[in-house]
Amino acid sequence: MTVNEREDFGPSSNTVMNDLQRLPSGDIHPAYAKAALAVRGLTLTSLALRHNRHSSYFRVALKAPFPGAMRILARAIRLRPHQGWPSLFDERDRTIKARPRARSTAKLCTNGHRRSHSVPS
């Protein structure tokens, strides 16, 4: 089998893969990331141990935004961070800053101080 025949079996690692399983946010599905690691002979735990992290480091990162772990995971599955998680990284693979939280609408006492929780006697 020649090199050209081998490349016909699937997309090369350097191309943007449009057929990835995506979440509604546009991010790759966690199961795809785990499967891509398995193809390379890795697991989330082995990748964590290789990077001197806790064994659950990447498992947690697949469920919540964790840019540092996502960068390592993207490198391991041969994607750019933006290709895997466009909701977390811009086209230059920089972390997208979260929008500032809206101010609370909780009411304060009329004098501007918090209410004390003392029990009336």
PDB file of N, CA and C in Angstrom:
ATOM      1  N   MET A   1       0.843  -1.175   0.000  1.00  0.00           N
ATOM      2  CA  MET A   1       0.000   0.000   0.000  1.00  0.00           C
ATOM      3  C   MET A   1       0.889   1.240   0.000  1.00  0.00           C
ATOM      4  N   THR A   2       0.606   2.165  -0.886  1.00  0.00           N
ATOM      5  CA  THR A   2       1.418   3.378  -0.981  1.00  0.00           C
ATOM      6  C   THR A   2       0.908   4.428   0.001  1.00  0.00           C
ATOM      7  N   VAL A   3       1.686   5.463   0.151  1.00  0.00           N
ATOM      8  CA  VAL A   3       1.317   6.553   1.048  1.00  0.00           C
ATOM      9  C   VAL A   3       0.017   7.196   0.592  1.00  0.00           C
ATOM     10  N   ASN A   4      -0.153   7.378  -0.718  1.00  0.00           N
ATOM     11  CA  ASN A   4      -1.363   8.012  -1.233  1.00  0.00           C
ATOM     12  C   ASN A   4      -2.597   7.164  -0.948  1.00  0.00           C
ATOM     13  N   GLU A   5      -2.486   5.850  -1.024  1.00  0.00           N
ATOM     14  CA  GLU A   5      -3.619   4.982  -0.724  1.00  0.00           C
ATOM     15  C   GLU A   5      -3.998   5.079   0.744  1.00  0.00           C
ATOM     16  N   ARG A   6      -3.008   5.179   1.624  1.00  0.00           N
ATOM     17  CA  ARG A   6      -3.282   5.288   3.054  1.00  0.00           C
ATOM     18  C   ARG A   6      -4.054   6.568   3.368  1.00  0.00           C
ATOM     19  N   GLU A   7      -3.726   7.647   2.678  1.00  0.00           N
ATOM     20  CA  GLU A   7      -4.392   8.915   2.935  1.00  0.00           C
ATOM     21  C   GLU A   7      -5.846   8.894   2.512  1.00  0.00           C
ATOM     22  N   ASP A   8      -6.225   8.005   1.606  1.00  0.00           N
ATOM     23  CA  ASP A   8      -7.611   7.933   1.160  1.00  0.00           C
ATOM     24  C   ASP A   8      -8.536   7.328   2.202  1.00  0.00           C
ATOM     25  N   PHE A   9      -8.000   6.716   3.232  1.00  0.00           N
ATOM     26  CA  PHE A   9      -8.827   6.058   4.230  1.00  0.00           C
ATOM     27  C   PHE A   9      -9.505   7.035   5.172  1.00  0.00           C
ATOM     28  N   GLY A  10      -9.062   8.242   5.234  1.00  0.00           N
ATOM     29  CA  GLY A  10      -9.672   9.219   6.128  1.00  0.00           C
ATOM     30  C   GLY A  10      -8.985  10.554   6.003  1.00  0.00           C
ATOM     31  N   PRO A  11      -9.529  11.555   6.684  1.00  0.00           N
ATOM     32  CA  PRO A  11      -8.932  12.886   6.590  1.00  0.00           C
ATOM     33  C   PRO A  11      -7.575  12.922   7.266  1.00  0.00           C
ATOM     34  N   SER A  12      -6.684  13.720   6.715  1.00  0.00           N
ATOM     35  CA  SER A  12      -5.371  13.838   7.335  1.00  0.00           C
ATOM     36  C   SER A  12      -5.485  14.654   8.607  1.00  0.00           C
ATOM     37  N   SER A  13      -4.519  14.531   9.469  1.00  0.00           N
ATOM     38  CA  SER A  13      -4.578  15.208  10.755  1.00  0.00           C
ATOM     39  C   SER A  13      -4.400  16.710  10.623  1.00  0.00           C
ATOM     40  N   ASN A  14      -3.914  17.187   9.479  1.00  0.00           N
ATOM     41  CA  ASN A  14      -3.670  18.617   9.317  1.00  0.00           C
ATOM     42  C   ASN A  14      -4.854  19.367   8.727  1.00  0.00           C
ATOM     43  N   THR A  15      -5.895  18.659   8.298  1.00  0.00           N
ATOM     44  CA  THR A  15      -7.039  19.335   7.697  1.00  0.00           C
ATOM     45  C   THR A  15      -8.098  19.601   8.747  1.00  0.00           C
ATOM     46  N   VAL A  16      -8.925  20.595   8.466  1.00  0.00           N
ATOM     47  CA  VAL A  16     -10.052  20.890   9.345  1.00  0.00           C
ATOM     48  C   VAL A  16     -11.132  19.866   9.039  1.00  0.00           C
ATOM     49  N   MET A  17     -11.518  19.112  10.038  1.00  0.00           N
ATOM     50  CA  MET A  17     -12.505  18.069   9.821  1.00  0.00           C
ATOM     51  C   MET A  17     -13.901  18.634  10.078  1.00  0.00           C
ATOM     52  N   ASN A  18     -14.693  18.749   9.036  1.00  0.00           N
ATOM     53  CA  ASN A  18     -16.023  19.318   9.159  1.00  0.00           C
ATOM     54  C   ASN A  18     -17.047  18.299   9.623  1.00  0.00           C
ATOM     55  N   ASP A  19     -16.716  17.023   9.585  1.00  0.00           N
ATOM     56  CA  ASP A  19     -17.682  15.998   9.941  1.00  0.00           C
ATOM     57  C   ASP A  19     -17.562  15.559  11.397  1.00  0.00           C
ATOM     58  N   LEU A  20     -16.932  16.366  12.243  1.00  0.00           N
ATOM     59  CA  LEU A  20     -16.832  16.031  13.662  1.00  0.00           C
ATOM     60  C   LEU A  20     -18.206  16.052  14.302  1.00  0.00           C
ATOM     61  N   GLN A  21     -18.374  15.217  15.303  1.00  0.00           N
ATOM     62  CA  GLN A  21     -19.608  15.270  16.070  1.00  0.00           C
ATOM     63  C   GLN A  21     -19.569  16.534  16.912  1.00  0.00           C
ATOM     64  N   ARG A  22     -20.513  17.410  16.717  1.00  0.00           N
ATOM     65  CA  ARG A  22     -20.511  18.712  17.379  1.00  0.00           C
ATOM     66  C   ARG A  22     -21.687  18.845  18.336  1.00  0.00           C
ATOM     67  N   LEU A  23     -21.448  19.619  19.391  1.00  0.00           N
ATOM     68  CA  LEU A  23     -22.499  19.995  20.316  1.00  0.00           C
ATOM     69  C   LEU A  23     -23.198  21.229  19.748  1.00  0.00           C
ATOM     70  N   PRO A  24     -24.362  21.610  20.283  1.00  0.00           N
ATOM     71  CA  PRO A  24     -25.031  22.818  19.779  1.00  0.00           C
ATOM     72  C   PRO A  24     -24.150  24.072  19.847  1.00  0.00           C
ATOM     73  N   SER A  25     -23.205  24.121  20.778  1.00  0.00           N
ATOM     74  CA  SER A  25     -22.306  25.272  20.902  1.00  0.00           C
ATOM     75  C   SER A  25     -21.252  25.305  19.793  1.00  0.00           C
ATOM     76  N   GLY A  26     -21.127  24.222  19.019  1.00  0.00           N
ATOM     77  CA  GLY A  26     -20.111  24.136  17.981  1.00  0.00           C
ATOM     78  C   GLY A  26     -18.869  23.391  18.432  1.00  0.00           C
ATOM     79  N   ASP A  27     -18.780  23.078  19.723  1.00  0.00           N
ATOM     80  CA  ASP A  27     -17.627  22.351  20.261  1.00  0.00           C
ATOM     81  C   ASP A  27     -17.733  20.874  19.899  1.00  0.00           C
ATOM     82  N   ILE A  28     -16.571  20.205  19.861  1.00  0.00           N
ATOM     83  CA  ILE A  28     -16.614  18.776  19.554  1.00  0.00           C
ATOM     84  C   ILE A  28     -17.250  18.021  20.720  1.00  0.00           C
ATOM     85  N   HIS A  29     -17.860  16.929  20.397  1.00  0.00           N
ATOM     86  CA  HIS A  29     -18.507  16.103  21.417  1.00  0.00           C
ATOM     87  C   HIS A  29     -17.430  15.426  22.266  1.00  0.00           C
ATOM     88  N   PRO A  30     -17.614  15.356  23.596  1.00  0.00           N
ATOM     89  CA  PRO A  30     -16.616  14.700  24.453  1.00  0.00           C
ATOM     90  C   PRO A  30     -16.310  13.266  24.038  1.00  0.00           C
ATOM     91  N   ALA A  31     -17.313  12.555  23.543  1.00  0.00           N
ATOM     92  CA  ALA A  31     -17.080  11.176  23.115  1.00  0.00           C
ATOM     93  C   ALA A  31     -16.134  11.126  21.915  1.00  0.00           C
ATOM     94  N   TYR A  32     -16.225  12.138  21.032  1.00  0.00           N
ATOM     95  CA  TYR A  32     -15.309  12.188  19.899  1.00  0.00           C
ATOM     96  C   TYR A  32     -13.880  12.402  20.384  1.00  0.00           C
ATOM     97  N   ALA A  33     -13.706  13.288  21.339  1.00  0.00           N
ATOM     98  CA  ALA A  33     -12.367  13.556  21.866  1.00  0.00           C
ATOM     99  C   ALA A  33     -11.778  12.291  22.483  1.00  0.00           C
ATOM    100  N   LYS A  34     -12.599  11.561  23.247  1.00  0.00           N
ATOM    101  CA  LYS A  34     -12.121  10.316  23.852  1.00  0.00           C
ATOM    102  C   LYS A  34     -11.786   9.287  22.787  1.00  0.00           C
ATOM    103  N   ALA A  35     -12.617   9.203  21.747  1.00  0.00           N
ATOM    104  CA  ALA A  35     -12.362   8.241  20.673  1.00  0.00           C
ATOM    105  C   ALA A  35     -11.098   8.611  19.895  1.00  0.00           C
ATOM    106  N   ALA A  36     -10.888   9.899  19.663  1.00  0.00           N
ATOM    107  CA  ALA A  36      -9.684  10.339  18.946  1.00  0.00           C
ATOM    108  C   ALA A  36      -8.427  10.009  19.751  1.00  0.00           C
ATOM    109  N   LEU A  37      -8.526  10.120  21.071  1.00  0.00           N
ATOM    110  CA  LEU A  37      -7.393   9.716  21.914  1.00  0.00           C
ATOM    111  C   LEU A  37      -7.165   8.211  21.817  1.00  0.00           C
ATOM    112  N   ALA A  38      -8.261   7.453  21.836  1.00  0.00           N
ATOM    113  CA  ALA A  38      -8.147   5.986  21.777  1.00  0.00           C
ATOM    114  C   ALA A  38      -7.479   5.534  20.489  1.00  0.00           C
ATOM    115  N   VAL A  39      -7.765   6.223  19.385  1.00  0.00           N
ATOM    116  CA  VAL A  39      -7.138   5.887  18.109  1.00  0.00           C
ATOM    117  C   VAL A  39      -5.625   6.052  18.208  1.00  0.00           C
ATOM    118  N   ARG A  40      -5.189   6.997  19.009  1.00  0.00           N
ATOM    119  CA  ARG A  40      -3.760   7.241  19.199  1.00  0.00           C
ATOM    120  C   ARG A  40      -3.185   6.452  20.365  1.00  0.00           C
ATOM    121  N   GLY A  41      -3.974   5.551  20.928  1.00  0.00           N
ATOM    122  CA  GLY A  41      -3.483   4.693  21.998  1.00  0.00           C
ATOM    123  C   GLY A  41      -3.423   5.364  23.355  1.00  0.00           C
ATOM    124  N   LEU A  42      -4.222   6.405  23.546  1.00  0.00           N
ATOM    125  CA  LEU A  42      -4.225   7.139  24.807  1.00  0.00           C
ATOM    126  C   LEU A  42      -5.606   7.089  25.455  1.00  0.00           C
ATOM    127  N   THR A  43      -5.641   7.346  26.737  1.00  0.00           N
ATOM    128  CA  THR A  43      -6.886   7.552  27.458  1.00  0.00           C
ATOM    129  C   THR A  43      -6.778   8.905  28.145  1.00  0.00           C
ATOM    130  N   LEU A  44      -7.902   9.387  28.668  1.00  0.00           N
ATOM    131  CA  LEU A  44      -7.873  10.655  29.404  1.00  0.00           C
ATOM    132  C   LEU A  44      -6.935  10.555  30.601  1.00  0.00           C
ATOM    133  N   THR A  45      -6.973   9.412  31.284  1.00  0.00           N
ATOM    134  CA  THR A  45      -6.126   9.222  32.456  1.00  0.00           C
ATOM    135  C   THR A  45      -4.651   9.163  32.077  1.00  0.00           C
ATOM    136  N   SER A  46      -4.323   8.423  31.026  1.00  0.00           N
ATOM    137  CA  SER A  46      -2.913   8.323  30.640  1.00  0.00           C
ATOM    138  C   SER A  46      -2.373   9.674  30.167  1.00  0.00           C
ATOM    139  N   LEU A  47      -3.215  10.457  29.490  1.00  0.00           N
ATOM    140  CA  LEU A  47      -2.791  11.787  29.065  1.00  0.00           C
ATOM    141  C   LEU A  47      -2.543  12.680  30.283  1.00  0.00           C
ATOM    142  N   ALA A  48      -3.407  12.577  31.289  1.00  0.00           N
ATOM    143  CA  ALA A  48      -3.231  13.369  32.510  1.00  0.00           C
ATOM    144  C   ALA A  48      -1.938  12.986  33.218  1.00  0.00           C
ATOM    145  N   LEU A  49      -1.686  11.719  33.341  1.00  0.00           N
ATOM    146  CA  LEU A  49      -0.474  11.268  34.026  1.00  0.00           C
ATOM    147  C   LEU A  49       0.776  11.663  33.243  1.00  0.00           C
ATOM    148  N   ARG A  50       0.682  11.647  31.919  1.00  0.00           N
ATOM    149  CA  ARG A  50       1.808  12.050  31.083  1.00  0.00           C
ATOM    150  C   ARG A  50       2.159  13.521  31.310  1.00  0.00           C
ATOM    151  N   HIS A  51       1.147  14.328  31.652  1.00  0.00           N
ATOM    152  CA  HIS A  51       1.362  15.763  31.890  1.00  0.00           C
ATOM    153  C   HIS A  51       1.424  16.104  33.378  1.00  0.00           C
ATOM    154  N   ASN A  52       1.647  15.098  34.199  1.00  0.00           N
ATOM    155  CA  ASN A  52       1.762  15.274  35.654  1.00  0.00           C
ATOM    156  C   ASN A  52       0.556  15.970  36.258  1.00  0.00           C
ATOM    157  N   ARG A  53      -0.624  15.544  35.845  1.00  0.00           N
ATOM    158  CA  ARG A  53      -1.875  16.074  36.367  1.00  0.00           C
ATOM    159  C   ARG A  53      -2.626  14.960  37.082  1.00  0.00           C
ATOM    160  N   HIS A  54      -3.656  15.350  37.819  1.00  0.00           N
ATOM    161  CA  HIS A  54      -4.505  14.365  38.494  1.00  0.00           C
ATOM    162  C   HIS A  54      -5.208  13.521  37.434  1.00  0.00           C
ATOM    163  N   SER A  55      -5.511  12.294  37.749  1.00  0.00           N
ATOM    164  CA  SER A  55      -6.090  11.382  36.754  1.00  0.00           C
ATOM    165  C   SER A  55      -7.438  11.859  36.209  1.00  0.00           C
ATOM    166  N   SER A  56      -8.158  12.698  36.946  1.00  0.00           N
ATOM    167  CA  SER A  56      -9.462  13.177  36.466  1.00  0.00           C
ATOM    168  C   SER A  56      -9.373  14.539  35.773  1.00  0.00           C
ATOM    169  N   TYR A  57      -8.178  15.049  35.556  1.00  0.00           N
ATOM    170  CA  TYR A  57      -7.971  16.384  35.003  1.00  0.00           C
ATOM    171  C   TYR A  57      -8.722  16.604  33.690  1.00  0.00           C
ATOM    172  N   PHE A  58      -8.567  15.710  32.734  1.00  0.00           N
ATOM    173  CA  PHE A  58      -9.204  15.892  31.431  1.00  0.00           C
ATOM    174  C   PHE A  58     -10.657  15.458  31.445  1.00  0.00           C
ATOM    175  N   ARG A  59     -11.007  14.534  32.291  1.00  0.00           N
ATOM    176  CA  ARG A  59     -12.406  14.113  32.400  1.00  0.00           C
ATOM    177  C   ARG A  59     -13.259  15.295  32.848  1.00  0.00           C
ATOM    178  N   VAL A  60     -12.761  16.054  33.821  1.00  0.00           N
ATOM    179  CA  VAL A  60     -13.466  17.242  34.297  1.00  0.00           C
ATOM    180  C   VAL A  60     -13.478  18.310  33.205  1.00  0.00           C
ATOM    181  N   ALA A  61     -12.379  18.439  32.484  1.00  0.00           N
ATOM    182  CA  ALA A  61     -12.270  19.469  31.454  1.00  0.00           C
ATOM    183  C   ALA A  61     -13.256  19.254  30.314  1.00  0.00           C
ATOM    184  N   LEU A  62     -13.647  18.019  30.047  1.00  0.00           N
ATOM    185  CA  LEU A  62     -14.606  17.775  28.975  1.00  0.00           C
ATOM    186  C   LEU A  62     -16.025  18.177  29.372  1.00  0.00           C
ATOM    187  N   LYS A  63     -16.256  18.371  30.658  1.00  0.00           N
ATOM    188  CA  LYS A  63     -17.599  18.730  31.124  1.00  0.00           C
ATOM    189  C   LYS A  63     -17.738  20.212  31.444  1.00  0.00           C
ATOM    190  N   ALA A  64     -16.648  20.904  31.653  1.00  0.00           N
ATOM    191  CA  ALA A  64     -16.680  22.324  31.996  1.00  0.00           C
ATOM    192  C   ALA A  64     -15.554  23.026  31.263  1.00  0.00           C
ATOM    193  N   PRO A  65     -15.725  24.291  30.922  1.00  0.00           N
ATOM    194  CA  PRO A  65     -14.667  24.998  30.202  1.00  0.00           C
ATOM    195  C   PRO A  65     -13.385  25.093  31.024  1.00  0.00           C
ATOM    196  N   PHE A  66     -12.316  24.569  30.480  1.00  0.00           N
ATOM    197  CA  PHE A  66     -11.036  24.533  31.168  1.00  0.00           C
ATOM    198  C   PHE A  66      -9.963  24.717  30.097  1.00  0.00           C
ATOM    199  N   PRO A  67      -9.669  25.973  29.710  1.00  0.00           N
ATOM    200  CA  PRO A  67      -8.824  26.231  28.542  1.00  0.00           C
ATOM    201  C   PRO A  67      -7.455  25.559  28.559  1.00  0.00           C
ATOM    202  N   GLY A  68      -6.790  25.503  29.703  1.00  0.00           N
ATOM    203  CA  GLY A  68      -5.474  24.877  29.753  1.00  0.00           C
ATOM    204  C   GLY A  68      -5.526  23.413  29.364  1.00  0.00           C
ATOM    205  N   ALA A  69      -6.498  22.715  29.892  1.00  0.00           N
ATOM    206  CA  ALA A  69      -6.646  21.292  29.562  1.00  0.00           C
ATOM    207  C   ALA A  69      -7.094  21.105  28.123  1.00  0.00           C
ATOM    208  N   MET A  70      -7.947  22.006  27.636  1.00  0.00           N
ATOM    209  CA  MET A  70      -8.433  21.886  26.264  1.00  0.00           C
ATOM    210  C   MET A  70      -7.288  22.054  25.257  1.00  0.00           C
ATOM    211  N   ARG A  71      -6.324  22.929  25.568  1.00  0.00           N
ATOM    212  CA  ARG A  71      -5.174  23.101  24.673  1.00  0.00           C
ATOM    213  C   ARG A  71      -4.359  21.812  24.581  1.00  0.00           C
ATOM    214  N   ILE A  72      -4.104  21.185  25.726  1.00  0.00           N
ATOM    215  CA  ILE A  72      -3.327  19.937  25.747  1.00  0.00           C
ATOM    216  C   ILE A  72      -4.093  18.844  25.011  1.00  0.00           C
ATOM    217  N   LEU A  73      -5.391  18.762  25.267  1.00  0.00           N
ATOM    218  CA  LEU A  73      -6.221  17.749  24.622  1.00  0.00           C
ATOM    219  C   LEU A  73      -6.258  17.960  23.111  1.00  0.00           C
ATOM    220  N   ALA A  74      -6.382  19.203  22.674  1.00  0.00           N
ATOM    221  CA  ALA A  74      -6.396  19.498  21.236  1.00  0.00           C
ATOM    222  C   ALA A  74      -5.082  19.070  20.592  1.00  0.00           C
ATOM    223  N   ARG A  75      -3.979  19.347  21.256  1.00  0.00           N
ATOM    224  CA  ARG A  75      -2.671  18.947  20.721  1.00  0.00           C
ATOM    225  C   ARG A  75      -2.584  17.427  20.619  1.00  0.00           C
ATOM    226  N   ALA A  76      -3.121  16.728  21.618  1.00  0.00           N
ATOM    227  CA  ALA A  76      -3.051  15.261  21.626  1.00  0.00           C
ATOM    228  C   ALA A  76      -3.879  14.643  20.503  1.00  0.00           C
ATOM    229  N   ILE A  77      -5.001  15.276  20.141  1.00  0.00           N
ATOM    230  CA  ILE A  77      -5.836  14.723  19.065  1.00  0.00           C
ATOM    231  C   ILE A  77      -5.583  15.428  17.733  1.00  0.00           C
ATOM    232  N   ARG A  78      -4.499  16.217  17.708  1.00  0.00           N
ATOM    233  CA  ARG A  78      -4.009  16.867  16.493  1.00  0.00           C
ATOM    234  C   ARG A  78      -5.028  17.827  15.881  1.00  0.00           C
ATOM    235  N   LEU A  79      -5.607  18.649  16.733  1.00  0.00           N
ATOM    236  CA  LEU A  79      -6.471  19.743  16.301  1.00  0.00           C
ATOM    237  C   LEU A  79      -5.945  21.030  16.902  1.00  0.00           C
ATOM    238  N   ARG A  80      -6.289  22.139  16.305  1.00  0.00           N
ATOM    239  CA  ARG A  80      -6.030  23.412  16.950  1.00  0.00           C
ATOM    240  C   ARG A  80      -7.147  23.629  17.965  1.00  0.00           C
ATOM    241  N   PRO A  81      -6.891  24.322  19.062  1.00  0.00           N
ATOM    242  CA  PRO A  81      -7.939  24.528  20.059  1.00  0.00           C
ATOM    243  C   PRO A  81      -9.206  25.143  19.477  1.00  0.00           C
ATOM    244  N   HIS A  82      -9.080  26.075  18.538  1.00  0.00           N
ATOM    245  CA  HIS A  82     -10.264  26.698  17.942  1.00  0.00           C
ATOM    246  C   HIS A  82     -11.073  25.698  17.126  1.00  0.00           C
ATOM    247  N   GLN A  83     -10.420  24.738  16.504  1.00  0.00           N
ATOM    248  CA  GLN A  83     -11.134  23.738  15.717  1.00  0.00           C
ATOM    249  C   GLN A  83     -11.987  22.852  16.610  1.00  0.00           C
ATOM    250  N   GLY A  84     -11.489  22.556  17.801  1.00  0.00           N
ATOM    251  CA  GLY A  84     -12.236  21.679  18.696  1.00  0.00           C
ATOM    252  C   GLY A  84     -13.253  22.411  19.553  1.00  0.00           C
ATOM    253  N   TRP A  85     -12.888  23.583  20.017  1.00  0.00           N
ATOM    254  CA  TRP A  85     -13.754  24.329  20.948  1.00  0.00           C
ATOM    255  C   TRP A  85     -13.865  25.790  20.522  1.00  0.00           C
ATOM    256  N   PRO A  86     -14.615  26.066  19.450  1.00  0.00           N
ATOM    257  CA  PRO A  86     -14.723  27.453  18.987  1.00  0.00           C
ATOM    258  C   PRO A  86     -15.441  28.369  19.975  1.00  0.00           C
ATOM    259  N   SER A  87     -16.177  27.812  20.919  1.00  0.00           N
ATOM    260  CA  SER A  87     -16.822  28.665  21.916  1.00  0.00           C
ATOM    261  C   SER A  87     -15.835  29.129  22.985  1.00  0.00           C
ATOM    262  N   LEU A  88     -14.661  28.486  23.067  1.00  0.00           N
ATOM    263  CA  LEU A  88     -13.667  28.848  24.080  1.00  0.00           C
ATOM    264  C   LEU A  88     -12.450  29.571  23.505  1.00  0.00           C
ATOM    265  N   PHE A  89     -12.157  29.354  22.209  1.00  0.00           N
ATOM    266  CA  PHE A  89     -10.942  29.908  21.613  1.00  0.00           C
ATOM    267  C   PHE A  89     -11.290  30.651  20.322  1.00  0.00           C
ATOM    268  N   ASP A  90     -10.593  31.769  20.090  1.00  0.00           N
ATOM    269  CA  ASP A  90     -10.787  32.494  18.838  1.00  0.00           C
ATOM    270  C   ASP A  90      -9.918  31.871  17.744  1.00  0.00           C
ATOM    271  N   GLU A  91      -9.921  32.472  16.550  1.00  0.00           N
ATOM    272  CA  GLU A  91      -9.192  31.908  15.416  1.00  0.00           C
ATOM    273  C   GLU A  91      -7.684  31.873  15.640  1.00  0.00           C
ATOM    274  N   ARG A  92      -7.179  32.691  16.549  1.00  0.00           N
ATOM    275  CA  ARG A  92      -5.752  32.687  16.859  1.00  0.00           C
ATOM    276  C   ARG A  92      -5.438  31.787  18.045  1.00  0.00           C
ATOM    277  N   ASP A  93      -6.408  30.987  18.460  1.00  0.00           N
ATOM    278  CA  ASP A  93      -6.289  30.045  19.580  1.00  0.00           C
ATOM    279  C   ASP A  93      -6.057  30.740  20.916  1.00  0.00           C
ATOM    280  N   ARG A  94      -6.521  31.968  21.016  1.00  0.00           N
ATOM    281  CA  ARG A  94      -6.495  32.665  22.301  1.00  0.00           C
ATOM    282  C   ARG A  94      -7.821  32.421  23.008  1.00  0.00           C
ATOM    283  N   THR A  95      -7.773  32.350  24.321  1.00  0.00           N
ATOM    284  CA  THR A  95      -8.983  32.120  25.098  1.00  0.00           C
ATOM    285  C   THR A  95      -9.931  33.299  24.937  1.00  0.00           C
ATOM    286  N   ILE A  96     -11.190  32.994  24.683  1.00  0.00           N
ATOM    287  CA  ILE A  96     -12.208  34.032  24.604  1.00  0.00           C
ATOM    288  C   ILE A  96     -12.601  34.386  26.020  1.00  0.00           C
ATOM    289  N   LYS A  97     -12.486  35.650  26.343  1.00  0.00           N
ATOM    290  CA  LYS A  97     -12.816  36.080  27.697  1.00  0.00           C
ATOM    291  C   LYS A  97     -14.322  36.013  27.888  1.00  0.00           C
ATOM    292  N   ALA A  98     -14.710  35.571  29.070  1.00  0.00           N
ATOM    293  CA  ALA A  98     -16.134  35.486  29.389  1.00  0.00           C
ATOM    294  C   ALA A  98     -16.715  36.892  29.498  1.00  0.00           C
ATOM    295  N   ARG A  99     -17.979  37.004  29.149  1.00  0.00           N
ATOM    296  CA  ARG A  99     -18.645  38.291  29.300  1.00  0.00           C
ATOM    297  C   ARG A  99     -18.770  38.622  30.770  1.00  0.00           C
ATOM    298  N   PRO A 100     -18.695  39.899  31.135  1.00  0.00           N
ATOM    299  CA  PRO A 100     -18.874  40.245  32.547  1.00  0.00           C
ATOM    300  C   PRO A 100     -20.286  39.893  32.999  1.00  0.00           C
ATOM    301  N   ARG A 101     -20.379  39.448  34.229  1.00  0.00           N
ATOM    302  CA  ARG A 101     -21.682  39.076  34.762  1.00  0.00           C
ATOM    303  C   ARG A 101     -22.538  40.316  34.953  1.00  0.00           C
ATOM    304  N   ALA A 102     -23.820  40.148  34.776  1.00  0.00           N
ATOM    305  CA  ALA A 102     -24.753  41.252  34.986  1.00  0.00           C
ATOM    306  C   ALA A 102     -24.806  41.583  36.471  1.00  0.00           C
ATOM    307  N   ARG A 103     -25.041  42.836  36.768  1.00  0.00           N
ATOM    308  CA  ARG A 103     -25.150  43.233  38.164  1.00  0.00           C
ATOM    309  C   ARG A 103     -26.345  42.566  38.796  1.00  0.00           C
ATOM    310  N   SER A 104     -26.207  42.267  40.041  1.00  0.00           N
ATOM    311  CA  SER A 104     -27.290  41.632  40.776  1.00  0.00           C
ATOM    312  C   SER A 104     -28.451  42.608  40.935  1.00  0.00           C
ATOM    313  N   THR A 105     -29.633  42.085  40.890  1.00  0.00           N
ATOM    314  CA  THR A 105     -30.815  42.921  41.108  1.00  0.00           C
ATOM    315  C   THR A 105     -31.366  42.740  42.512  1.00  0.00           C
ATOM    316  N   ALA A 106     -30.582  42.093  43.373  1.00  0.00           N
ATOM    317  CA  ALA A 106     -31.032  41.898  44.753  1.00  0.00           C
ATOM    318  C   ALA A 106     -31.155  43.252  45.431  1.00  0.00           C
ATOM    319  N   LYS A 107     -32.180  43.415  46.209  1.00  0.00           N
ATOM    320  CA  LYS A 107     -32.428  44.693  46.868  1.00  0.00           C
ATOM    321  C   LYS A 107     -31.606  44.812  48.129  1.00  0.00           C
ATOM    322  N   LEU A 108     -31.082  45.987  48.342  1.00  0.00           N
ATOM    323  CA  LEU A 108     -30.350  46.297  49.562  1.00  0.00           C
ATOM    324  C   LEU A 108     -31.270  47.077  50.494  1.00  0.00           C
ATOM    325  N   CYS A 109     -30.896  47.157  51.738  1.00  0.00           N
ATOM    326  CA  CYS A 109     -31.635  47.991  52.678  1.00  0.00           C
ATOM    327  C   CYS A 109     -31.563  49.438  52.202  1.00  0.00           C
ATOM    328  N   THR A 110     -32.441  50.254  52.678  1.00  0.00           N
ATOM    329  CA  THR A 110     -32.505  51.635  52.207  1.00  0.00           C
ATOM    330  C   THR A 110     -31.247  52.422  52.514  1.00  0.00           C
ATOM    331  N   ASN A 111     -30.505  52.047  53.548  1.00  0.00           N
ATOM    332  CA  ASN A 111     -29.290  52.789  53.870  1.00  0.00           C
ATOM    333  C   ASN A 111     -28.061  52.217  53.148  1.00  0.00           C
ATOM    334  N   GLY A 112     -28.245  51.222  52.286  1.00  0.00           N
ATOM    335  CA  GLY A 112     -27.149  50.688  51.504  1.00  0.00           C
ATOM    336  C   GLY A 112     -26.389  49.550  52.150  1.00  0.00           C
ATOM    337  N   HIS A 113     -26.738  49.178  53.361  1.00  0.00           N
ATOM    338  CA  HIS A 113     -26.063  48.085  54.042  1.00  0.00           C
ATOM    339  C   HIS A 113     -26.849  46.798  53.889  1.00  0.00           C
ATOM    340  N   ARG A 114     -26.151  45.718  54.063  1.00  0.00           N
ATOM    341  CA  ARG A 114     -26.839  44.426  54.023  1.00  0.00           C
ATOM    342  C   ARG A 114     -27.686  44.254  55.263  1.00  0.00           C
ATOM    343  N   ARG A 115     -28.702  43.485  55.094  1.00  0.00           N
ATOM    344  CA  ARG A 115     -29.562  43.208  56.229  1.00  0.00           C
ATOM    345  C   ARG A 115     -28.857  42.229  57.165  1.00  0.00           C
ATOM    346  N   SER A 116     -28.996  42.444  58.413  1.00  0.00           N
ATOM    347  CA  SER A 116     -28.407  41.509  59.378  1.00  0.00           C
ATOM    348  C   SER A 116     -29.417  40.396  59.630  1.00  0.00           C
ATOM    349  N   HIS A 117     -28.891  39.250  59.951  1.00  0.00           N
ATOM    350  CA  HIS A 117     -29.751  38.101  60.187  1.00  0.00           C
ATOM    351  C   HIS A 117     -29.904  37.842  61.680  1.00  0.00           C
ATOM    352  N   SER A 118     -29.980  38.883  62.446  1.00  0.00           N
ATOM    353  CA  SER A 118     -30.117  38.686  63.903  1.00  0.00           C
ATOM    354  C   SER A 118     -31.544  38.275  64.226  1.00  0.00           C
ATOM    355  N   VAL A 119     -31.665  37.496  65.240  1.00  0.00           N
ATOM    356  CA  VAL A 119     -32.966  37.013  65.678  1.00  0.00           C
ATOM    357  C   VAL A 119     -33.562  38.054  66.631  1.00  0.00           C
ATOM    358  N   PRO A 120     -34.821  38.504  66.352  1.00  0.00           N
ATOM    359  CA  PRO A 120     -35.427  39.498  67.254  1.00  0.00           C
ATOM    360  C   PRO A 120     -35.672  38.905  68.641  1.00  0.00           C
ATOM    361  N   SER A 121     -35.497  39.728  69.669  1.00  0.00           N
ATOM    362  CA  SER A 121     -35.700  39.220  71.020  1.00  0.00           C
ATOM    363  C   SER A 121     -37.071  39.475  71.566  1.00  0.00           C
TER     364      SER A 121
END
